[in-house]
Amino acid sequence: MKYVLLLMGNLTDDRCGESEEGPGVEEFMAFDAELERAGVLAGGFGLTDPEEGTSLSKATREAEPVITAGPYAESREFVGGTVVIDVGSLDEALAWAAKCPGAIGGRVEIRPMLDV
């Protein structure tokens, strides 16, 4: 089964992103290499900083979209990237998530992919 590891950060936590306390790019590259060697890496990508994003919302189906520069203002948490793994169980997905550098100072959300 495929699982998406959503790498969540917190804008108020200095440990997220590259800092002395948080994981660096090299750690994420090593994690990806380990996933690839194990034959479970099925995809993924990193994202730019939330400030570089644009938000769009609609109050109703017929409403005009409201477009805002940057992240959703009330949320301090953001998605920093994704990793897609193909493993046999949630327990295996949790074991890989525990090894993910994104869990250091952030959070890794594990979500099964829909099989459509």
C-alpha atoms as a PDB file:
ATOM      1  CA  MET A   1       0.000   0.000   0.000  1.00  0.00           C
ATOM      2  CA  LYS A   2       1.169   3.515  -0.749  1.00  0.00           C
ATOM      3  CA  TYR A   3       1.412   6.069   2.032  1.00  0.00           C
ATOM      4  CA  VAL A   4       2.174   9.770   1.801  1.00  0.00           C
ATOM      5  CA  LEU A   5       4.412  11.181   4.492  1.00  0.00           C
ATOM      6  CA  LEU A   6       3.432  14.843   4.827  1.00  0.00           C
ATOM      7  CA  LEU A   7       6.389  16.708   6.289  1.00  0.00           C
ATOM      8  CA  MET A   8       4.866  19.359   8.526  1.00  0.00           C
ATOM      9  CA  GLY A   9       6.735  22.318   9.968  1.00  0.00           C
ATOM     10  CA  ASN A  10       5.785  25.105  12.342  1.00  0.00           C
ATOM     11  CA  LEU A  11       6.510  28.727  11.488  1.00  0.00           C
ATOM     12  CA  THR A  12       7.065  29.575  15.164  1.00  0.00           C
ATOM     13  CA  ASP A  13       9.640  26.823  15.751  1.00  0.00           C
ATOM     14  CA  ASP A  14      13.240  27.757  14.975  1.00  0.00           C
ATOM     15  CA  ARG A  15      14.199  24.073  14.757  1.00  0.00           C
ATOM     16  CA  CYS A  16      12.328  23.649  11.457  1.00  0.00           C
ATOM     17  CA  GLY A  17      14.264  24.135   8.284  1.00  0.00           C
ATOM     18  CA  GLU A  18      18.012  24.431   8.181  1.00  0.00           C
ATOM     19  CA  SER A  19      19.348  25.481  11.561  1.00  0.00           C
ATOM     20  CA  GLU A  20      21.774  24.061  14.074  1.00  0.00           C
ATOM     21  CA  GLU A  21      18.954  22.203  15.846  1.00  0.00           C
ATOM     22  CA  GLY A  22      16.923  21.146  12.813  1.00  0.00           C
ATOM     23  CA  PRO A  23      17.657  18.768   9.958  1.00  0.00           C
ATOM     24  CA  GLY A  24      19.557  19.939   6.908  1.00  0.00           C
ATOM     25  CA  VAL A  25      19.246  19.113   3.227  1.00  0.00           C
ATOM     26  CA  GLU A  26      21.918  16.414   3.538  1.00  0.00           C
ATOM     27  CA  GLU A  27      19.822  14.528   6.091  1.00  0.00           C
ATOM     28  CA  PHE A  28      16.794  14.543   3.798  1.00  0.00           C
ATOM     29  CA  MET A  29      18.938  13.370   0.863  1.00  0.00           C
ATOM     30  CA  ALA A  30      20.321  10.524   2.997  1.00  0.00           C
ATOM     31  CA  PHE A  31      16.780   9.554   4.060  1.00  0.00           C
ATOM     32  CA  ASP A  32      15.638   9.495   0.406  1.00  0.00           C
ATOM     33  CA  ALA A  33      18.655   7.352  -0.494  1.00  0.00           C
ATOM     34  CA  GLU A  34      17.817   4.912   2.314  1.00  0.00           C
ATOM     35  CA  LEU A  35      14.216   4.666   1.103  1.00  0.00           C
ATOM     36  CA  GLU A  36      15.447   4.043  -2.434  1.00  0.00           C
ATOM     37  CA  ARG A  37      17.910   1.325  -1.326  1.00  0.00           C
ATOM     38  CA  ALA A  38      15.078  -0.399   0.562  1.00  0.00           C
ATOM     39  CA  GLY A  39      12.903  -0.301  -2.573  1.00  0.00           C
ATOM     40  CA  VAL A  40      10.021   1.561  -0.910  1.00  0.00           C
ATOM     41  CA  LEU A  41      10.420   5.075  -2.372  1.00  0.00           C
ATOM     42  CA  ALA A  42       7.526   5.754  -4.753  1.00  0.00           C
ATOM     43  CA  GLY A  43       7.861   9.536  -5.154  1.00  0.00           C
ATOM     44  CA  GLY A  44       7.796  12.821  -3.350  1.00  0.00           C
ATOM     45  CA  PHE A  45       8.899  16.413  -3.518  1.00  0.00           C
ATOM     46  CA  GLY A  46       9.953  19.335  -1.368  1.00  0.00           C
ATOM     47  CA  LEU A  47       8.200  22.684  -1.318  1.00  0.00           C
ATOM     48  CA  THR A  48       9.427  26.261  -1.151  1.00  0.00           C
ATOM     49  CA  ASP A  49       8.862  28.367   1.976  1.00  0.00           C
ATOM     50  CA  PRO A  50       5.197  29.107   2.788  1.00  0.00           C
ATOM     51  CA  GLU A  51       5.743  32.822   2.124  1.00  0.00           C
ATOM     52  CA  GLU A  52       6.252  31.985  -1.551  1.00  0.00           C
ATOM     53  CA  GLY A  53       2.829  30.340  -1.811  1.00  0.00           C
ATOM     54  CA  THR A  54      -0.552  31.688  -2.833  1.00  0.00           C
ATOM     55  CA  SER A  55      -3.851  30.704  -1.206  1.00  0.00           C
ATOM     56  CA  LEU A  56      -7.185  30.442  -3.005  1.00  0.00           C
ATOM     57  CA  SER A  57     -10.580  29.914  -1.391  1.00  0.00           C
ATOM     58  CA  LYS A  58     -14.234  30.035  -2.424  1.00  0.00           C
ATOM     59  CA  ALA A  59     -17.189  30.551  -0.071  1.00  0.00           C
ATOM     60  CA  THR A  60     -19.528  28.642  -2.386  1.00  0.00           C
ATOM     61  CA  ARG A  61     -19.386  26.810  -5.707  1.00  0.00           C
ATOM     62  CA  GLU A  62     -20.633  29.910  -7.526  1.00  0.00           C
ATOM     63  CA  ALA A  63     -18.528  32.470  -5.613  1.00  0.00           C
ATOM     64  CA  GLU A  64     -15.562  34.220  -7.127  1.00  0.00           C
ATOM     65  CA  PRO A  65     -12.264  32.917  -5.771  1.00  0.00           C
ATOM     66  CA  VAL A  66     -10.452  34.918  -3.104  1.00  0.00           C
ATOM     67  CA  ILE A  67      -6.711  34.885  -3.747  1.00  0.00           C
ATOM     68  CA  THR A  68      -4.193  35.772  -1.028  1.00  0.00           C
ATOM     69  CA  ALA A  69      -0.420  35.992  -1.297  1.00  0.00           C
ATOM     70  CA  GLY A  70       1.401  33.779   1.172  1.00  0.00           C
ATOM     71  CA  PRO A  71       0.160  31.075   3.519  1.00  0.00           C
ATOM     72  CA  TYR A  72      -3.168  30.882   5.303  1.00  0.00           C
ATOM     73  CA  ALA A  73      -2.695  33.537   7.995  1.00  0.00           C
ATOM     74  CA  GLU A  74      -4.264  31.718  10.971  1.00  0.00           C
ATOM     75  CA  SER A  75      -2.142  28.604  10.554  1.00  0.00           C
ATOM     76  CA  ARG A  76       1.395  28.407  11.934  1.00  0.00           C
ATOM     77  CA  GLU A  77       1.844  24.883  10.570  1.00  0.00           C
ATOM     78  CA  PHE A  78       2.800  24.259   6.948  1.00  0.00           C
ATOM     79  CA  VAL A  79       3.541  21.372   4.586  1.00  0.00           C
ATOM     80  CA  GLY A  80       7.249  21.418   3.744  1.00  0.00           C
ATOM     81  CA  GLY A  81       7.200  18.455   1.384  1.00  0.00           C
ATOM     82  CA  THR A  82       5.971  14.941   0.755  1.00  0.00           C
ATOM     83  CA  VAL A  83       7.443  11.486   0.479  1.00  0.00           C
ATOM     84  CA  VAL A  84       5.457   8.631  -1.071  1.00  0.00           C
ATOM     85  CA  ILE A  85       6.365   5.142   0.099  1.00  0.00           C
ATOM     86  CA  ASP A  86       5.015   1.746  -0.927  1.00  0.00           C
ATOM     87  CA  VAL A  87       5.066  -0.607   2.071  1.00  0.00           C
ATOM     88  CA  GLY A  88       3.077  -3.541   3.400  1.00  0.00           C
ATOM     89  CA  SER A  89       1.476  -1.975   6.460  1.00  0.00           C
ATOM     90  CA  LEU A  90       0.884   1.120   8.545  1.00  0.00           C
ATOM     91  CA  ASP A  91       3.464  -0.202  11.011  1.00  0.00           C
ATOM     92  CA  GLU A  92       6.104  -0.154   8.251  1.00  0.00           C
ATOM     93  CA  ALA A  93       5.042   3.363   7.238  1.00  0.00           C
ATOM     94  CA  LEU A  94       5.346   4.488  10.873  1.00  0.00           C
ATOM     95  CA  ALA A  95       8.823   2.958  11.118  1.00  0.00           C
ATOM     96  CA  TRP A  96       9.951   4.935   8.055  1.00  0.00           C
ATOM     97  CA  ALA A  97       8.285   8.113   9.339  1.00  0.00           C
ATOM     98  CA  ALA A  98      10.204   7.748  12.602  1.00  0.00           C
ATOM     99  CA  LYS A  99      13.462   7.829  10.602  1.00  0.00           C
ATOM    100  CA  CYS A 100      12.435  10.937   8.650  1.00  0.00           C
ATOM    101  CA  PRO A 101      14.430  14.087   9.467  1.00  0.00           C
ATOM    102  CA  GLY A 102      11.192  16.065   9.120  1.00  0.00           C
ATOM    103  CA  ALA A 103      10.038  14.654  12.459  1.00  0.00           C
ATOM    104  CA  ILE A 104      12.839  16.608  14.199  1.00  0.00           C
ATOM    105  CA  GLY A 105      11.272  19.883  15.247  1.00  0.00           C
ATOM    106  CA  GLY A 106       8.296  19.233  12.977  1.00  0.00           C
ATOM    107  CA  ARG A 107       5.737  16.509  12.441  1.00  0.00           C
ATOM    108  CA  VAL A 108       5.255  13.738   9.897  1.00  0.00           C
ATOM    109  CA  GLU A 109       1.640  12.956   9.039  1.00  0.00           C
ATOM    110  CA  ILE A 110       1.152   9.495   7.543  1.00  0.00           C
ATOM    111  CA  ARG A 111      -1.790   9.168   5.155  1.00  0.00           C
ATOM    112  CA  PRO A 112      -2.784   6.149   3.040  1.00  0.00           C
ATOM    113  CA  MET A 113      -3.238   7.010  -0.627  1.00  0.00           C
ATOM    114  CA  LEU A 114      -6.596   6.318  -2.226  1.00  0.00           C
ATOM    115  CA  ASP A 115      -6.436   3.487  -4.710  1.00  0.00           C
ATOM    116  CA  VAL A 116      -8.315   5.051  -7.635  1.00  0.00           C
END
